[in-house]
């Protein structure tokens, strides 16, 4: 027993050195910069959709924004599965177990596809009741736009699930350039499709939804072909057509995916409940909120990229048993995350007026967007990184349940409760939603920081 312990101790310095060398500064840069570009492209595509929709009318912007909020809730299940799959695959790669990494990749694809088909059916059947329950009475033109957009985008859920799973697999192995290039292609297709369907064929909201369906399908097909051709290391999808569900491997994925899914679902439910506040104050408040969200998404896009990098890097370090490297790399990535978010949020505050002027808004909606952006940019700098970036390091180590409980409690006790308190009894109006959002960032982020510093996450196991 003493000999085995000594052997393990003597091998650990070499293991630490190997993982630190693998994820040196250059390797991290090669992983992160394509992720940042990919996030920029994703936000650009959303902004382009909104700009083109604004030419149709504020009712179209409002209808699309309403559906996007609901869609985020419906697709959260396979989004969480992709997180679980990425963690499992990353840890197997860190352990240098390519066989199980490939098996986990296939199980992720099978499960995500199956769940997305179910979600698509639910969305198609219940889109009307969902909109009524979550948003109450809407103006007729807003409701018609939301129904049209909901129907077409629901058809794209399976394609989105396949692409999301494939992209997670590419990132898990550290190949983020592939997803960046595909994101660029999808942007070109989407902008071109929007221009053709909206301005040439005059299809309005239907045209934007049709363009989204085509782009998601193309992205899913391309990534699937690329993964199946990758017969080398570290993962391979050879024999993917021979569908076999492996319960132990799916359980490992779900052990991370289910808590992540519940957390994200609660987040989206709470977000949707606070979004119900805006229709009370009219279409201008809805449109101003939508535009502020589009512009402000540029401030957290680097955080999303760094968060994806944390899943890969920390997952591989933990899989190799190298917790010292996991801590050092997390600190390094978080430091750069805050720096880039500070710069981008500052630029948005400086150039707020010309950015909002890009969109065709009424004076009231324009003023709402400015007020929302001021509040949110400040709260992003203060708390977004520790509340939405750091928990990815905890998830990568298998501490997803703690993240779920903190996020759920903070959402209901801080964001939702405070938003309604500020909006109505305290007469702050729709600004109360954005103030409560910033308080939620700081609340949950504080608990994550304490958890990470105390090191309880190091006792968790995934594989």
Protein backbone atom coordinates (compact mmCIF):
# COMPACT_ATOMS: atom_id res chain seq x y z
CA UNK A 1 0.00 0.00 0.00
CA UNK A 2 2.83 2.34 0.86
CA UNK A 3 4.59 1.52 -2.42
CA UNK A 4 1.44 2.28 -4.46
CA UNK A 5 0.98 5.59 -2.68
CA UNK A 6 4.59 6.56 -3.33
CA UNK A 7 4.29 5.70 -7.00
CA UNK A 8 1.19 7.84 -7.31
CA UNK A 9 2.89 10.73 -5.56
CA UNK A 10 5.96 10.53 -7.78
CA UNK A 11 3.87 10.55 -10.95
CA UNK A 12 1.83 13.60 -9.96
CA UNK A 13 4.42 16.33 -10.69
CA UNK A 14 4.84 14.96 -14.21
CA UNK A 15 1.04 14.85 -14.65
CA UNK A 16 0.73 18.46 -13.50
CA UNK A 17 3.49 19.52 -15.83
CA UNK A 18 1.82 17.75 -18.75
CA UNK A 19 -1.54 19.46 -18.26
CA UNK A 20 0.03 22.86 -17.65
CA UNK A 21 2.06 22.48 -20.81
CA UNK A 22 -0.97 21.38 -22.81
CA UNK A 23 -2.97 24.45 -21.79
CA UNK A 24 -0.24 27.06 -21.89
CA UNK A 25 -0.92 30.64 -22.96
CA UNK A 26 -0.73 29.89 -26.68
CA UNK A 27 -3.03 26.87 -26.43
CA UNK A 28 -5.61 28.85 -24.47
CA UNK A 29 -5.47 31.65 -27.00
CA UNK A 30 -6.00 29.17 -29.87
CA UNK A 31 -9.03 27.79 -28.03
CA UNK A 32 -10.60 31.04 -26.91
CA UNK A 33 -10.26 33.48 -29.82
CA UNK A 34 -12.38 31.39 -32.22
CA UNK A 35 -15.00 31.06 -29.47
CA UNK A 36 -15.10 34.84 -29.07
CA UNK A 37 -15.45 35.30 -32.84
CA UNK A 38 -18.18 32.67 -32.88
CA UNK A 39 -20.09 34.51 -30.17
CA UNK A 40 -19.69 37.79 -32.07
CA UNK A 41 -21.08 36.13 -35.17
CA UNK A 42 -24.01 34.68 -33.23
CA UNK A 43 -24.87 38.08 -31.76
CA UNK A 44 -24.40 39.73 -35.15
CA UNK A 45 -26.89 37.30 -36.66
CA UNK A 46 -29.41 38.12 -33.94
CA UNK A 47 -28.86 41.84 -34.42
CA UNK A 48 -29.23 41.51 -38.19
CA UNK A 49 -32.52 39.68 -37.69
CA UNK A 50 -33.79 42.44 -35.42
CA UNK A 51 -32.66 45.25 -37.73
CA UNK A 52 -34.42 43.63 -40.68
CA UNK A 53 -37.50 42.91 -38.58
CA UNK A 54 -37.64 46.55 -37.44
CA UNK A 55 -38.23 47.52 -41.08
CA UNK A 56 -41.41 45.43 -40.97
CA UNK A 57 -42.64 47.18 -37.81
CA UNK A 58 -42.44 47.25 -34.03
CA UNK A 59 -45.10 44.54 -33.88
CA UNK A 60 -42.72 42.19 -35.74
CA UNK A 61 -39.82 42.98 -33.40
CA UNK A 62 -42.04 42.38 -30.38
CA UNK A 63 -43.50 39.14 -31.77
CA UNK A 64 -40.09 37.69 -32.62
CA UNK A 65 -38.67 38.71 -29.23
CA UNK A 66 -41.55 37.01 -27.41
CA UNK A 67 -41.01 33.74 -29.31
CA UNK A 68 -37.25 33.84 -28.84
CA UNK A 69 -37.78 34.05 -25.08
CA UNK A 70 -40.09 31.00 -25.15
CA UNK A 71 -37.81 29.10 -27.54
CA UNK A 72 -34.95 29.58 -25.12
CA UNK A 73 -37.01 27.77 -22.50
CA UNK A 74 -38.05 24.93 -24.82
CA UNK A 75 -34.55 24.21 -26.17
CA UNK A 76 -32.93 24.34 -22.74
CA UNK A 77 -33.19 20.56 -22.36
CA UNK A 78 -30.82 19.63 -25.16
CA UNK A 79 -28.66 22.65 -24.42
CA UNK A 80 -28.09 21.22 -20.95
CA UNK A 81 -27.46 17.78 -22.45
CA UNK A 82 -24.71 19.29 -24.59
CA UNK A 83 -23.13 20.74 -21.47
CA UNK A 84 -23.26 17.35 -19.78
CA UNK A 85 -21.86 15.64 -22.86
CA UNK A 86 -19.06 18.18 -23.19
CA UNK A 87 -18.03 17.64 -19.54
CA UNK A 88 -18.03 13.84 -19.85
CA UNK A 89 -16.11 13.86 -23.14
CA UNK A 90 -13.62 16.43 -21.84
CA UNK A 91 -12.89 14.38 -18.73
CA UNK A 92 -12.39 11.19 -20.78
CA UNK A 93 -10.02 13.07 -23.06
CA UNK A 94 -8.13 14.36 -20.04
CA UNK A 95 -7.85 10.75 -18.89
CA UNK A 96 -6.72 9.81 -22.43
CA UNK A 97 -9.58 7.34 -22.77
CA UNK A 98 -10.52 7.95 -26.40
CA UNK A 99 -12.76 4.88 -26.66
CA UNK A 100 -15.14 6.06 -23.95
CA UNK A 101 -14.90 9.63 -25.22
CA UNK A 102 -16.23 8.42 -28.60
CA UNK A 103 -18.98 6.35 -26.95
CA UNK A 104 -20.07 9.38 -24.91
CA UNK A 105 -20.15 11.51 -28.07
CA UNK A 106 -22.53 9.10 -29.79
CA UNK A 107 -24.82 8.83 -26.78
CA UNK A 108 -24.99 12.61 -26.62
CA UNK A 109 -26.12 12.82 -30.24
CA UNK A 110 -28.75 10.09 -29.88
CA UNK A 111 -30.23 11.54 -26.71
CA UNK A 112 -30.20 15.18 -27.84
CA UNK A 113 -31.93 14.30 -31.11
CA UNK A 114 -34.65 12.28 -29.37
CA UNK A 115 -35.38 15.00 -26.81
CA UNK A 116 -35.42 17.74 -29.46
CA UNK A 117 -38.08 15.90 -31.47
CA UNK A 118 -40.28 15.71 -28.38
CA UNK A 119 -39.73 19.41 -27.67
CA UNK A 120 -40.56 20.26 -31.28
CA UNK A 121 -43.88 18.40 -31.03
CA UNK A 122 -44.74 20.16 -27.76
CA UNK A 123 -43.89 23.54 -29.25
CA UNK A 124 -46.00 22.99 -32.36
CA UNK A 125 -49.02 21.78 -30.40
CA UNK A 126 -48.94 24.25 -27.52
CA UNK A 127 -47.49 27.43 -29.00
CA UNK A 128 -50.78 29.33 -28.66
CA UNK A 129 -51.44 28.46 -24.99
CA UNK A 130 -47.78 29.06 -24.11
CA UNK A 131 -47.84 32.60 -25.47
CA UNK A 132 -51.15 33.38 -23.73
CA UNK A 133 -50.03 31.96 -20.36
CA UNK A 134 -46.64 33.66 -20.35
CA UNK A 135 -47.54 37.02 -21.91
CA UNK A 136 -51.27 37.42 -21.35
CA UNK A 137 -53.22 39.57 -23.83
CA UNK A 138 -51.19 40.90 -26.73
CA UNK A 139 -52.10 43.26 -29.53
CA UNK A 140 -53.44 41.28 -32.51
CA UNK A 141 -50.58 42.04 -34.89
CA UNK A 142 -47.98 41.09 -32.23
CA UNK A 143 -49.79 37.83 -31.50
CA UNK A 144 -50.07 36.88 -35.19
CA UNK A 145 -46.38 37.57 -35.73
CA UNK A 146 -45.44 35.45 -32.72
CA UNK A 147 -47.58 32.50 -33.88
CA UNK A 148 -46.03 32.52 -37.35
CA UNK A 149 -42.48 32.78 -36.05
CA UNK A 150 -43.06 30.11 -33.39
CA UNK A 151 -44.35 27.54 -35.90
CA UNK A 152 -41.39 27.82 -38.27
CA UNK A 153 -38.66 27.98 -35.62
CA UNK A 154 -40.08 24.95 -33.79
CA UNK A 155 -39.45 22.90 -36.94
CA UNK A 156 -35.75 23.72 -36.60
CA UNK A 157 -35.33 22.32 -33.07
CA UNK A 158 -33.94 18.90 -34.14
CA UNK A 159 -31.39 20.55 -36.45
CA UNK A 160 -30.42 22.95 -33.67
CA UNK A 161 -30.00 20.03 -31.25
CA UNK A 162 -27.70 18.15 -33.62
CA UNK A 163 -25.62 21.23 -34.31
CA UNK A 164 -25.38 22.13 -30.61
CA UNK A 165 -24.23 18.60 -29.74
CA UNK A 166 -21.68 18.55 -32.56
CA UNK A 167 -20.35 21.98 -31.65
CA UNK A 168 -20.00 20.90 -28.00
CA UNK A 169 -17.97 17.89 -29.13
CA UNK A 170 -15.63 19.99 -31.25
CA UNK A 171 -15.06 22.33 -28.30
CA UNK A 172 -14.55 19.43 -25.89
CA UNK A 173 -11.55 18.28 -27.92
CA UNK A 174 -10.26 21.85 -28.17
CA UNK A 175 -11.08 22.39 -31.86
CA UNK A 176 -13.00 25.66 -31.71
CA UNK A 177 -11.95 26.84 -35.18
CA UNK A 178 -14.41 24.48 -36.85
CA UNK A 179 -17.45 25.93 -35.08
CA UNK A 180 -16.19 29.46 -35.73
CA UNK A 181 -15.96 28.83 -39.48
CA UNK A 182 -19.40 27.26 -39.57
CA UNK A 183 -20.80 30.20 -37.59
CA UNK A 184 -19.40 32.54 -40.23
CA UNK A 185 -21.02 30.51 -43.00
CA UNK A 186 -24.35 30.46 -41.16
CA UNK A 187 -24.21 34.23 -40.70
CA UNK A 188 -23.73 34.78 -44.41
CA UNK A 189 -26.58 32.40 -45.22
CA UNK A 190 -28.87 33.95 -42.63
CA UNK A 191 -28.32 37.56 -43.65
CA UNK A 192 -28.69 36.65 -47.31
CA UNK A 193 -31.78 34.57 -46.58
CA UNK A 194 -33.36 37.35 -44.53
CA UNK A 195 -32.72 39.89 -47.26
CA UNK A 196 -34.22 37.61 -49.90
CA UNK A 197 -37.28 36.43 -47.96
CA UNK A 198 -38.10 39.73 -46.24
CA UNK A 199 -37.24 42.37 -48.85
CA UNK A 200 -37.58 40.48 -52.14
CA UNK A 201 -40.37 37.99 -51.44
CA UNK A 202 -42.01 40.27 -48.82
CA UNK A 203 -42.62 37.38 -46.42
CA UNK A 204 -42.01 39.45 -43.27
CA UNK A 205 -41.80 37.38 -40.07
CA UNK A 206 -42.30 34.16 -42.02
CA UNK A 207 -39.23 35.00 -44.10
CA UNK A 208 -37.02 35.51 -41.04
CA UNK A 209 -38.18 32.20 -39.56
CA UNK A 210 -37.64 30.34 -42.84
CA UNK A 211 -34.10 31.68 -43.08
CA UNK A 212 -33.43 30.46 -39.51
CA UNK A 213 -34.73 26.98 -40.35
CA UNK A 214 -32.51 26.69 -43.43
CA UNK A 215 -29.39 27.93 -41.61
CA UNK A 216 -29.79 25.59 -38.64
CA UNK A 217 -30.33 22.62 -40.93
CA UNK A 218 -27.21 23.46 -42.93
CA UNK A 219 -25.10 23.84 -39.78
CA UNK A 220 -26.29 20.49 -38.41
CA UNK A 221 -25.54 18.68 -41.67
CA UNK A 222 -22.06 20.17 -42.09
CA UNK A 223 -20.90 19.47 -38.52
CA UNK A 224 -22.24 15.92 -38.67
CA UNK A 225 -20.33 15.18 -41.87
CA UNK A 226 -17.12 16.65 -40.43
CA UNK A 227 -17.37 14.62 -37.22
CA UNK A 228 -18.10 11.36 -39.04
CA UNK A 229 -15.04 11.88 -41.21
CA UNK A 230 -12.84 12.33 -38.14
CA UNK A 231 -11.58 8.77 -37.74
CA UNK A 232 -8.52 9.88 -35.82
CA UNK A 233 -8.09 10.93 -32.26
CA UNK A 234 -9.46 11.82 -29.82
CA UNK A 235 -13.10 11.01 -30.77
CA UNK A 236 -14.71 9.23 -33.68
CA UNK A 237 -18.36 8.79 -34.73
CA UNK A 238 -17.69 5.72 -36.85
CA UNK A 239 -20.75 3.45 -36.74
CA UNK A 240 -23.08 6.26 -35.69
CA UNK A 241 -25.90 4.77 -37.79
CA UNK A 242 -25.91 1.66 -35.56
CA UNK A 243 -28.05 3.25 -32.87
CA UNK A 244 -27.58 1.70 -29.43
CA UNK A 245 -28.52 3.51 -26.22
CA UNK A 246 -26.02 2.86 -23.41
CA UNK A 247 -27.63 3.57 -20.06
CA UNK A 248 -24.42 3.94 -17.96
CA UNK A 249 -22.95 6.50 -20.37
CA UNK A 250 -26.22 8.40 -20.69
CA UNK A 251 -26.44 8.46 -16.89
CA UNK A 252 -23.01 10.11 -16.68
CA UNK A 253 -24.12 12.75 -19.16
CA UNK A 254 -27.41 13.32 -17.35
CA UNK A 255 -25.69 13.63 -13.97
CA UNK A 256 -24.34 16.93 -15.26
CA UNK A 257 -27.02 17.67 -17.85
CA UNK A 258 -30.12 17.35 -15.66
CA UNK A 259 -28.99 19.81 -12.95
CA UNK A 260 -27.78 22.17 -15.69
CA UNK A 261 -31.10 21.80 -17.47
CA UNK A 262 -33.17 22.40 -14.35
CA UNK A 263 -31.05 25.42 -13.50
CA UNK A 264 -31.38 26.87 -16.99
CA UNK A 265 -35.11 26.07 -17.10
CA UNK A 266 -35.71 27.87 -13.83
CA UNK A 267 -33.67 30.75 -15.15
CA UNK A 268 -35.75 30.97 -18.30
CA UNK A 269 -39.05 30.58 -16.44
CA UNK A 270 -38.05 33.37 -14.09
CA UNK A 271 -36.89 35.47 -17.02
CA UNK A 272 -40.17 34.94 -18.83
CA UNK A 273 -42.14 35.90 -15.72
CA UNK A 274 -40.21 39.15 -15.47
CA UNK A 275 -40.70 39.70 -19.21
CA UNK A 276 -44.46 39.79 -18.54
CA UNK A 277 -43.89 43.13 -16.86
CA UNK A 278 -43.03 44.88 -20.14
CA UNK A 279 -46.39 44.39 -21.96
CA UNK A 280 -48.09 46.16 -19.03
CA UNK A 281 -46.20 49.30 -20.04
CA UNK A 282 -46.98 48.96 -23.77
CA UNK A 283 -45.36 47.95 -27.06
CA UNK A 284 -42.67 50.64 -26.67
CA UNK A 285 -41.43 48.99 -23.48
CA UNK A 286 -41.36 45.58 -25.21
CA UNK A 287 -39.48 46.95 -28.23
CA UNK A 288 -37.06 48.95 -26.07
CA UNK A 289 -36.32 45.85 -24.02
CA UNK A 290 -35.74 43.79 -27.17
CA UNK A 291 -33.31 46.30 -28.68
CA UNK A 292 -31.44 46.77 -25.40
CA UNK A 293 -31.08 43.00 -25.18
CA UNK A 294 -29.67 42.77 -28.70
CA UNK A 295 -27.11 45.53 -28.15
CA UNK A 296 -26.15 44.42 -24.67
CA UNK A 297 -25.56 40.85 -25.80
CA UNK A 298 -22.26 42.15 -27.17
CA UNK A 299 -21.11 42.86 -23.60
CA UNK A 300 -21.50 39.28 -22.38
CA UNK A 301 -20.47 37.49 -25.57
CA UNK A 302 -16.79 37.23 -24.50
CA UNK A 303 -17.99 35.85 -21.17
CA UNK A 304 -19.91 33.12 -22.99
CA UNK A 305 -16.80 32.25 -24.98
CA UNK A 306 -14.60 32.10 -21.90
CA UNK A 307 -17.26 29.99 -20.18
CA UNK A 308 -17.12 27.45 -23.01
CA UNK A 309 -13.35 27.37 -22.68
CA UNK A 310 -13.68 26.66 -18.95
CA UNK A 311 -15.79 23.57 -19.69
CA UNK A 312 -13.07 22.19 -21.95
CA UNK A 313 -9.97 23.15 -19.97
CA UNK A 314 -11.23 22.41 -16.45
CA UNK A 315 -12.95 19.23 -17.66
CA UNK A 316 -9.71 17.88 -19.12
CA UNK A 317 -7.68 18.91 -16.06
CA UNK A 318 -10.13 17.22 -13.69
CA UNK A 319 -10.25 14.11 -15.90
CA UNK A 320 -6.46 13.90 -15.57
CA UNK A 321 -6.72 14.40 -11.81
CA UNK A 322 -4.82 17.69 -12.09
CA UNK A 323 -6.75 19.99 -9.74
CA UNK A 324 -3.87 22.42 -9.35
CA UNK A 325 -3.93 23.11 -13.10
CA UNK A 326 -7.74 23.43 -12.97
CA UNK A 327 -7.47 26.19 -10.34
CA UNK A 328 -4.68 28.05 -12.13
CA UNK A 329 -6.37 27.92 -15.54
CA UNK A 330 -9.71 29.04 -14.07
CA UNK A 331 -8.08 32.08 -12.49
CA UNK A 332 -6.31 32.93 -15.75
CA UNK A 333 -9.45 32.59 -17.88
CA UNK A 334 -11.64 34.53 -15.42
CA UNK A 335 -9.12 37.38 -15.33
CA UNK A 336 -9.23 37.79 -19.10
CA UNK A 337 -13.01 37.41 -19.08
CA UNK A 338 -13.48 40.40 -16.79
CA UNK A 339 -11.00 42.52 -18.73
CA UNK A 340 -12.72 41.99 -22.08
CA UNK A 341 -16.21 42.45 -20.63
CA UNK A 342 -15.14 45.71 -19.01
CA UNK A 343 -13.83 47.05 -22.32
CA UNK A 344 -16.89 46.04 -24.35
CA UNK A 345 -19.43 47.26 -21.79
CA UNK A 346 -17.58 50.56 -21.58
CA UNK A 347 -17.68 50.98 -25.34
CA UNK A 348 -21.42 50.27 -25.38
CA UNK A 349 -21.98 52.97 -22.77
CA UNK A 350 -19.92 55.46 -24.81
CA UNK A 351 -21.55 54.70 -28.18
CA UNK A 352 -25.04 53.93 -26.89
CA UNK A 353 -26.86 56.63 -28.86
CA UNK A 354 -25.64 55.72 -32.36
CA UNK A 355 -26.09 52.01 -31.63
CA UNK A 356 -29.75 52.43 -30.67
CA UNK A 357 -30.32 54.76 -33.63
CA UNK A 358 -29.56 51.87 -36.01
CA UNK A 359 -33.00 50.48 -35.18
CA UNK A 360 -36.25 52.04 -36.30
CA UNK A 361 -37.79 52.84 -32.91
CA UNK A 362 -40.32 55.31 -31.63
CA UNK A 363 -39.10 58.01 -29.24
CA UNK A 364 -40.50 56.19 -26.20
CA UNK A 365 -38.91 52.87 -27.16
CA UNK A 366 -35.60 54.65 -27.84
CA UNK A 367 -35.60 56.19 -24.34
CA UNK A 368 -36.46 52.86 -22.73
CA UNK A 369 -33.56 51.14 -24.54
CA UNK A 370 -31.07 53.77 -23.30
CA UNK A 371 -32.20 53.43 -19.68
CA UNK A 372 -32.09 49.64 -19.81
CA UNK A 373 -28.60 49.62 -21.32
CA UNK A 374 -27.14 51.97 -18.71
CA UNK A 375 -28.27 49.73 -15.87
CA UNK A 376 -27.26 46.48 -17.49
CA UNK A 377 -23.79 47.45 -18.68
CA UNK A 378 -22.84 48.46 -15.14
CA UNK A 379 -24.23 45.25 -13.64
CA UNK A 380 -22.48 43.18 -16.32
CA UNK A 381 -19.11 44.60 -15.35
CA UNK A 382 -19.83 44.04 -11.66
CA UNK A 383 -21.21 40.52 -11.58
CA UNK A 384 -21.85 38.64 -14.82
CA UNK A 385 -18.50 36.85 -14.98
CA UNK A 386 -18.70 35.26 -11.56
CA UNK A 387 -22.41 34.42 -11.94
CA UNK A 388 -22.34 32.87 -15.44
CA UNK A 389 -18.67 32.18 -16.23
CA UNK A 390 -17.32 30.65 -13.02
CA UNK A 391 -20.16 28.09 -12.66
CA UNK A 392 -18.91 26.43 -15.85
CA UNK A 393 -15.71 25.54 -13.99
CA UNK A 394 -17.85 24.01 -11.23
CA UNK A 395 -19.91 22.06 -13.78
CA UNK A 396 -16.77 20.80 -15.50
CA UNK A 397 -15.66 19.36 -12.16
CA UNK A 398 -19.04 17.66 -11.61
CA UNK A 399 -20.44 20.18 -9.11
CA UNK A 400 -23.53 20.90 -11.22
CA UNK A 401 -26.07 20.34 -8.43
CA UNK A 402 -24.64 23.13 -6.30
CA UNK A 403 -24.80 25.48 -9.28
CA UNK A 404 -28.41 24.47 -9.86
CA UNK A 405 -29.53 25.16 -6.28
CA UNK A 406 -27.79 28.51 -6.01
CA UNK A 407 -29.12 29.69 -9.39
CA UNK A 408 -32.69 28.59 -8.65
CA UNK A 409 -32.85 30.17 -5.19
CA UNK A 410 -31.27 33.42 -6.37
CA UNK A 411 -33.58 33.60 -9.39
CA UNK A 412 -36.78 33.38 -7.34
CA UNK A 413 -35.74 35.26 -4.22
CA UNK A 414 -33.83 38.06 -5.95
CA UNK A 415 -34.57 38.48 -9.65
CA UNK A 416 -38.28 37.64 -9.88
CA UNK A 417 -39.44 38.92 -6.48
CA UNK A 418 -37.41 42.13 -6.63
CA UNK A 419 -38.45 42.85 -10.24
CA UNK A 420 -42.17 42.80 -9.38
CA UNK A 421 -41.57 44.72 -6.15
CA UNK A 422 -39.71 47.49 -7.96
CA UNK A 423 -41.97 47.60 -11.03
CA UNK A 424 -45.32 47.91 -9.28
CA UNK A 425 -45.43 48.64 -5.51
CA UNK A 426 -42.36 50.88 -5.68
CA UNK A 427 -43.42 52.39 -9.07
CA UNK A 428 -39.99 52.02 -10.71
CA UNK A 429 -41.66 50.57 -13.82
CA UNK A 430 -39.88 48.33 -16.33
CA UNK A 431 -36.49 49.61 -15.13
CA UNK A 432 -37.06 47.45 -12.06
CA UNK A 433 -36.60 44.31 -14.15
CA UNK A 434 -33.09 45.33 -15.18
CA UNK A 435 -32.14 46.47 -11.67
CA UNK A 436 -33.28 43.13 -10.23
CA UNK A 437 -31.26 41.35 -12.91
CA UNK A 438 -28.06 43.06 -11.79
CA UNK A 439 -28.75 42.19 -8.15
CA UNK A 440 -29.20 38.56 -9.17
CA UNK A 441 -25.79 38.57 -10.87
CA UNK A 442 -24.06 39.68 -7.69
CA UNK A 443 -26.09 37.37 -5.43
CA UNK A 444 -25.43 34.07 -7.20
CA UNK A 445 -21.89 35.01 -8.20
CA UNK A 446 -20.91 35.53 -4.58
CA UNK A 447 -21.94 31.99 -3.65
CA UNK A 448 -20.06 30.50 -6.63
CA UNK A 449 -16.89 32.35 -5.65
CA UNK A 450 -17.08 31.04 -2.09
CA UNK A 451 -17.64 27.49 -3.35
CA UNK A 452 -14.66 27.65 -5.68
CA UNK A 453 -12.30 29.13 -3.11
CA UNK A 454 -13.22 26.56 -0.46
CA UNK A 455 -12.56 23.70 -2.92
CA UNK A 456 -15.63 21.55 -2.24
CA UNK A 457 -15.90 20.95 -6.01
CA UNK A 458 -12.75 18.82 -5.90
CA UNK A 459 -14.63 16.00 -4.11
CA UNK A 460 -17.12 15.54 -7.00
CA UNK A 461 -16.91 12.72 -9.57
CA UNK A 462 -18.30 12.43 -13.11
CA UNK A 463 -16.54 9.42 -14.68
